[in-house]
Amino acid sequence: MALVRKGSRRIVIDGTAYRWRLRGRPTYSQGLGWSPCTFAVGHADTAGMTLVVTTDQPHPSNWLDHEARPVLPSAVAAAVRLALRAGWAPTEPGPPFHLDRSAGFEPSSWTV
């Protein structure tokens, strides 16, 4: 599955172009700080396996003002390199490849 161009950013990593996207609005769970921020990466020119990266921080637009850092291109590049070493094949068809980097994430203890 290819990422849509609208709302995604282009990044070149080790000579290969990718597109990455962070969801603009958090999911309900992310908004309350119960689950960490995620972003998706795909090959820029070829539809294939999408990389879904779970970070160790809250979504930047969470509703409870939990301190969150923005997702930087350097973090995207590091995640792509790690996923490639772990077997992600961005130009091959297949289900999304999940990379969990959420170690250390502490969910909000606030409940509804």
C-alpha atoms as a PDB file:
ATOM      1  CA  MET A   1       0.000   0.000   0.000  1.00  0.00           C
ATOM      2  CA  ALA A   2       1.472   3.360  -1.001  1.00  0.00           C
ATOM      3  CA  LEU A   3       1.277   6.453   1.147  1.00  0.00           C
ATOM      4  CA  VAL A   4      -0.751   9.276  -0.294  1.00  0.00           C
ATOM      5  CA  ARG A   5       1.261  12.284  -1.395  1.00  0.00           C
ATOM      6  CA  LYS A   6      -1.006  14.770   0.328  1.00  0.00           C
ATOM      7  CA  GLY A   7       0.138  15.264   3.898  1.00  0.00           C
ATOM      8  CA  SER A   8       3.282  13.190   3.539  1.00  0.00           C
ATOM      9  CA  ARG A   9       6.872  14.367   3.441  1.00  0.00           C
ATOM     10  CA  ARG A  10       9.635  13.165   1.157  1.00  0.00           C
ATOM     11  CA  ILE A  11      12.915  11.984   2.641  1.00  0.00           C
ATOM     12  CA  VAL A  12      15.980  10.479   0.970  1.00  0.00           C
ATOM     13  CA  ILE A  13      17.819   7.875   3.044  1.00  0.00           C
ATOM     14  CA  ASP A  14      21.026   6.313   1.738  1.00  0.00           C
ATOM     15  CA  GLY A  15      20.090   7.296  -1.826  1.00  0.00           C
ATOM     16  CA  THR A  16      16.516   5.925  -1.750  1.00  0.00           C
ATOM     17  CA  ALA A  17      13.473   8.204  -1.667  1.00  0.00           C
ATOM     18  CA  TYR A  18      10.676   7.490   0.815  1.00  0.00           C
ATOM     19  CA  ARG A  19       7.523   9.296   1.929  1.00  0.00           C
ATOM     20  CA  TRP A  20       6.540   9.490   5.573  1.00  0.00           C
ATOM     21  CA  ARG A  21       3.449  10.705   7.332  1.00  0.00           C
ATOM     22  CA  LEU A  22       2.403  11.452  10.874  1.00  0.00           C
ATOM     23  CA  ARG A  23      -1.315  11.426  11.537  1.00  0.00           C
ATOM     24  CA  GLY A  24      -2.386  15.065  11.962  1.00  0.00           C
ATOM     25  CA  ARG A  25      -5.000  14.384  14.600  1.00  0.00           C
ATOM     26  CA  PRO A  26      -4.315  11.835  17.288  1.00  0.00           C
ATOM     27  CA  THR A  27      -6.494   8.771  17.649  1.00  0.00           C
ATOM     28  CA  TYR A  28      -8.719   8.772  20.736  1.00  0.00           C
ATOM     29  CA  SER A  29      -6.214   6.623  22.599  1.00  0.00           C
ATOM     30  CA  GLN A  30      -3.282   8.828  21.533  1.00  0.00           C
ATOM     31  CA  GLY A  31      -5.187  11.996  22.422  1.00  0.00           C
ATOM     32  CA  LEU A  32      -5.627  10.786  25.988  1.00  0.00           C
ATOM     33  CA  GLY A  33      -2.019   9.639  26.233  1.00  0.00           C
ATOM     34  CA  TRP A  34      -2.898   5.957  26.524  1.00  0.00           C
ATOM     35  CA  SER A  35      -0.931   4.916  23.445  1.00  0.00           C
ATOM     36  CA  PRO A  36       2.178   6.367  21.820  1.00  0.00           C
ATOM     37  CA  CYS A  37       2.539   8.306  18.599  1.00  0.00           C
ATOM     38  CA  THR A  38       2.970   6.351  15.361  1.00  0.00           C
ATOM     39  CA  PHE A  39       4.060   7.300  11.862  1.00  0.00           C
ATOM     40  CA  ALA A  40       4.077   5.514   8.516  1.00  0.00           C
ATOM     41  CA  VAL A  41       6.791   5.258   5.860  1.00  0.00           C
ATOM     42  CA  GLY A  42       6.585   3.957   2.308  1.00  0.00           C
ATOM     43  CA  HIS A  43       8.748   3.883  -0.798  1.00  0.00           C
ATOM     44  CA  ALA A  44       8.299   7.136  -2.741  1.00  0.00           C
ATOM     45  CA  ASP A  45       7.941   5.589  -6.203  1.00  0.00           C
ATOM     46  CA  THR A  46       6.801   1.990  -5.769  1.00  0.00           C
ATOM     47  CA  ALA A  47       3.755   0.752  -3.907  1.00  0.00           C
ATOM     48  CA  GLY A  48       4.722  -1.957  -1.473  1.00  0.00           C
ATOM     49  CA  MET A  49       4.962  -2.805   2.191  1.00  0.00           C
ATOM     50  CA  THR A  50       4.265   0.154   4.501  1.00  0.00           C
ATOM     51  CA  LEU A  51       6.418   0.600   7.590  1.00  0.00           C
ATOM     52  CA  VAL A  52       4.451   1.555  10.725  1.00  0.00           C
ATOM     53  CA  VAL A  53       6.675   2.880  13.515  1.00  0.00           C
ATOM     54  CA  THR A  54       5.457   3.140  17.103  1.00  0.00           C
ATOM     55  CA  THR A  55       7.468   5.773  18.978  1.00  0.00           C
ATOM     56  CA  ASP A  56       8.201   6.118  22.680  1.00  0.00           C
ATOM     57  CA  GLN A  57       6.436   9.455  23.107  1.00  0.00           C
ATOM     58  CA  PRO A  58       2.913  10.871  23.135  1.00  0.00           C
ATOM     59  CA  HIS A  59       1.362  12.331  19.992  1.00  0.00           C
ATOM     60  CA  PRO A  60       2.393  16.013  19.642  1.00  0.00           C
ATOM     61  CA  SER A  61      -1.291  17.034  19.451  1.00  0.00           C
ATOM     62  CA  ASN A  62      -2.458  15.085  22.500  1.00  0.00           C
ATOM     63  CA  TRP A  63      -5.373  16.629  24.380  1.00  0.00           C
ATOM     64  CA  LEU A  64      -3.839  16.621  27.843  1.00  0.00           C
ATOM     65  CA  ASP A  65      -0.748  18.709  27.065  1.00  0.00           C
ATOM     66  CA  HIS A  66       1.645  15.859  27.772  1.00  0.00           C
ATOM     67  CA  GLU A  67       5.102  17.012  26.751  1.00  0.00           C
ATOM     68  CA  ALA A  68       5.964  15.587  23.349  1.00  0.00           C
ATOM     69  CA  ARG A  69       8.829  16.118  20.958  1.00  0.00           C
ATOM     70  CA  PRO A  70       8.145  16.492  17.247  1.00  0.00           C
ATOM     71  CA  VAL A  71       8.988  13.558  14.985  1.00  0.00           C
ATOM     72  CA  LEU A  72      12.163  14.671  13.220  1.00  0.00           C
ATOM     73  CA  PRO A  73      13.487  13.461   9.867  1.00  0.00           C
ATOM     74  CA  SER A  74      16.532  12.068  11.698  1.00  0.00           C
ATOM     75  CA  ALA A  75      14.221   9.807  13.756  1.00  0.00           C
ATOM     76  CA  VAL A  76      12.461   8.679  10.571  1.00  0.00           C
ATOM     77  CA  ALA A  77      15.814   7.877   8.932  1.00  0.00           C
ATOM     78  CA  ALA A  78      16.961   5.899  11.990  1.00  0.00           C
ATOM     79  CA  ALA A  79      13.704   3.911  12.029  1.00  0.00           C
ATOM     80  CA  VAL A  80      13.942   3.149   8.293  1.00  0.00           C
ATOM     81  CA  ARG A  81      17.527   1.907   8.617  1.00  0.00           C
ATOM     82  CA  LEU A  82      16.575  -0.285  11.582  1.00  0.00           C
ATOM     83  CA  ALA A  83      13.533  -1.687   9.756  1.00  0.00           C
ATOM     84  CA  LEU A  84      15.576  -2.466   6.653  1.00  0.00           C
ATOM     85  CA  ARG A  85      18.049  -4.439   8.801  1.00  0.00           C
ATOM     86  CA  ALA A  86      15.077  -6.234  10.410  1.00  0.00           C
ATOM     87  CA  GLY A  87      13.711  -7.375   7.044  1.00  0.00           C
ATOM     88  CA  TRP A  88      11.389  -4.623   5.805  1.00  0.00           C
ATOM     89  CA  ALA A  89      11.158  -4.746   1.996  1.00  0.00           C
ATOM     90  CA  PRO A  90       9.532  -1.429   0.983  1.00  0.00           C
ATOM     91  CA  THR A  91       9.030  -2.342  -2.681  1.00  0.00           C
ATOM     92  CA  GLU A  92       7.600  -5.825  -2.067  1.00  0.00           C
ATOM     93  CA  PRO A  93       3.841  -6.320  -1.651  1.00  0.00           C
ATOM     94  CA  GLY A  94       2.671  -7.439   1.740  1.00  0.00           C
ATOM     95  CA  PRO A  95       1.063  -6.434   5.006  1.00  0.00           C
ATOM     96  CA  PRO A  96       2.369  -3.464   6.976  1.00  0.00           C
ATOM     97  CA  PHE A  97       5.720  -4.014   8.683  1.00  0.00           C
ATOM     98  CA  HIS A  98       5.540  -2.933  12.334  1.00  0.00           C
ATOM     99  CA  LEU A  99       8.553  -1.499  14.140  1.00  0.00           C
ATOM    100  CA  ASP A 100       7.936  -1.043  17.855  1.00  0.00           C
ATOM    101  CA  ARG A 101      10.192   1.559  19.454  1.00  0.00           C
ATOM    102  CA  SER A 102       7.833   2.262  22.362  1.00  0.00           C
ATOM    103  CA  ALA A 103      10.105   0.986  25.147  1.00  0.00           C
ATOM    104  CA  GLY A 104       9.933   3.538  27.927  1.00  0.00           C
ATOM    105  CA  PHE A 105       6.536   4.974  26.976  1.00  0.00           C
ATOM    106  CA  GLU A 106       4.434   5.609  30.074  1.00  0.00           C
ATOM    107  CA  PRO A 107       0.691   5.767  29.361  1.00  0.00           C
ATOM    108  CA  SER A 108      -1.349   8.455  31.053  1.00  0.00           C
ATOM    109  CA  SER A 109      -2.987   7.281  34.252  1.00  0.00           C
ATOM    110  CA  TRP A 110      -5.920   9.618  33.714  1.00  0.00           C
ATOM    111  CA  THR A 111      -9.129   7.733  32.932  1.00  0.00           C
ATOM    112  CA  VAL A 112     -12.492   8.736  31.528  1.00  0.00           C
END
